[in-house]
Amino acid sequence: MILNFLEDEIVMWMYGILNRNWVRLVRKIEAEKLDIAKVIFDQLSGTGITLEDIIEAKRKVNPDYTKWEKEDFMELIRNILHIAKPMLIVANKADLPTAEENIKKNAGKISLCYTCICRI
């Protein structure tokens, strides 16, 4: 499905941003006693995600960031996106006879999206 592809691409893009310098950042965090949320915020500064969004998303992942694996990053990023950048799917032409089947088939498959079905 194209929407899952889009979600995965956004997550992987943000993962690349965070993972690129992660070892260096962890050393800096520990040496300078920095807040992990602030460091992540600085890395994602061009995305429009707020520090508060990151703090909230971070509560739902393993607190030991020194042991984070790819899955932990992915979970954190999905949490951040769900909080800060939820997608809105508008089902155009949802009143057509064939639309109901497609809506049922795709409902609940996209974790970062809210679906709005418009019948005009």
Protein backbone atom coordinates (compact mmCIF):
# COMPACT_ATOMS: atom_id res chain seq x y z
CA MET A 1 0.00 0.00 0.00
CA ILE A 2 1.34 3.43 -0.92
CA LEU A 3 0.57 4.94 2.50
CA ASN A 4 2.62 2.33 4.35
CA PHE A 5 5.44 3.07 1.95
CA LEU A 6 5.22 6.78 2.71
CA GLU A 7 5.19 6.19 6.45
CA ASP A 8 8.19 3.84 6.24
CA GLU A 9 10.13 6.33 4.10
CA ILE A 10 9.59 9.16 6.59
CA VAL A 11 10.62 6.94 9.49
CA MET A 12 13.75 5.76 7.66
CA TRP A 13 14.67 9.34 6.71
CA MET A 14 14.47 10.43 10.34
CA TYR A 15 16.30 7.29 11.46
CA GLY A 16 19.15 8.23 9.12
CA ILE A 17 19.33 11.69 10.67
CA LEU A 18 19.50 10.32 14.22
CA ASN A 19 21.66 7.29 13.56
CA ARG A 20 24.28 9.10 11.48
CA ASN A 21 26.16 10.54 14.48
CA TRP A 22 24.61 8.53 17.31
CA VAL A 23 27.84 7.13 18.83
CA ARG A 24 29.39 10.60 18.93
CA LEU A 25 26.20 12.10 20.35
CA VAL A 26 25.98 9.51 23.14
CA ARG A 27 29.57 10.31 24.16
CA LYS A 28 28.73 14.02 24.14
CA ILE A 29 25.55 13.46 26.19
CA GLU A 30 27.42 11.51 28.82
CA ALA A 31 30.48 13.80 28.94
CA GLU A 32 28.50 17.03 29.10
CA LYS A 33 25.51 15.65 31.05
CA LEU A 34 23.09 16.76 28.34
CA ASP A 35 19.43 15.87 28.09
CA ILE A 36 18.81 13.21 25.45
CA ALA A 37 15.56 14.88 24.35
CA LYS A 38 17.38 18.17 23.74
CA VAL A 39 20.05 16.41 21.68
CA ILE A 40 17.42 14.64 19.57
CA PHE A 41 15.59 17.97 19.19
CA ASP A 42 18.78 19.60 17.90
CA GLN A 43 19.29 16.77 15.39
CA LEU A 44 15.71 17.10 14.11
CA SER A 45 15.68 20.90 14.20
CA GLY A 46 14.67 21.31 10.56
CA THR A 47 11.58 19.14 10.86
CA GLY A 48 9.41 21.44 12.97
CA ILE A 49 9.17 18.89 15.77
CA THR A 50 9.12 20.46 19.22
CA LEU A 51 11.13 19.52 22.28
CA GLU A 52 7.87 18.73 24.08
CA ASP A 53 6.91 16.25 21.34
CA ILE A 54 10.23 14.45 21.77
CA ILE A 55 9.95 14.38 25.56
CA GLU A 56 6.47 12.84 25.29
CA ALA A 57 7.55 10.27 22.67
CA LYS A 58 10.66 9.32 24.66
CA ARG A 59 8.52 8.21 27.62
CA LYS A 60 7.32 5.22 25.61
CA VAL A 61 10.72 3.72 24.73
CA ASN A 62 13.62 2.07 26.54
CA PRO A 63 15.10 4.79 28.77
CA ASP A 64 18.66 3.46 28.35
CA TYR A 65 19.53 5.26 25.13
CA THR A 66 23.10 3.87 25.22
CA LYS A 67 21.69 0.46 24.33
CA TRP A 68 19.24 1.56 21.67
CA GLU A 69 19.09 -0.66 18.61
CA LYS A 70 17.44 0.12 15.29
CA GLU A 71 14.06 -1.06 16.61
CA ASP A 72 14.26 1.37 19.53
CA PHE A 73 15.00 4.25 17.17
CA MET A 74 12.13 3.23 14.93
CA GLU A 75 9.73 3.06 17.88
CA LEU A 76 10.87 6.48 19.09
CA ILE A 77 10.52 8.00 15.64
CA ARG A 78 7.06 6.52 15.10
CA ASN A 79 6.04 7.89 18.51
CA ILE A 80 7.42 11.32 17.62
CA LEU A 81 5.61 11.33 14.28
CA HIS A 82 2.35 10.17 15.82
CA ILE A 83 2.51 13.05 18.31
CA ALA A 84 4.04 15.81 16.19
CA LYS A 85 3.13 15.03 12.58
CA PRO A 86 -0.01 12.90 12.35
CA MET A 87 -1.12 12.26 8.80
CA LEU A 88 -4.64 12.92 7.74
CA ILE A 89 -6.05 10.68 5.06
CA VAL A 90 -9.06 12.10 3.33
CA ALA A 91 -11.00 9.51 1.39
CA ASN A 92 -12.16 11.42 -1.63
CA LYS A 93 -15.22 9.94 -3.34
CA ALA A 94 -16.01 7.79 -0.31
CA ASP A 95 -19.66 7.84 -1.30
CA LEU A 96 -19.03 5.67 -4.38
CA PRO A 97 -20.28 2.07 -4.17
CA THR A 98 -16.76 0.65 -4.48
CA ALA A 99 -15.30 2.87 -1.73
CA GLU A 100 -16.66 1.00 1.28
CA GLU A 101 -14.67 -2.15 0.47
CA ASN A 102 -11.43 -0.17 0.10
CA ILE A 103 -12.05 1.74 3.32
CA LYS A 104 -12.62 -1.48 5.28
CA LYS A 105 -9.58 -3.11 3.69
CA ASN A 106 -7.26 -0.25 4.63
CA ALA A 107 -8.71 0.78 7.98
CA GLY A 108 -6.25 0.37 10.82
CA LYS A 109 -3.28 -0.53 8.62
CA ILE A 110 -1.56 2.81 8.94
CA SER A 111 -0.31 3.57 12.43
CA LEU A 112 0.58 7.25 11.94
CA CYS A 113 -2.61 8.30 10.22
CA TYR A 114 -6.02 9.52 11.15
CA THR A 115 -8.61 8.79 8.53
CA CYS A 116 -11.29 11.29 7.67
CA ILE A 117 -13.97 9.98 5.38
CA CYS A 118 -15.81 12.74 3.61
CA ARG A 119 -19.19 12.17 2.08
CA ILE A 120 -20.42 15.21 0.28
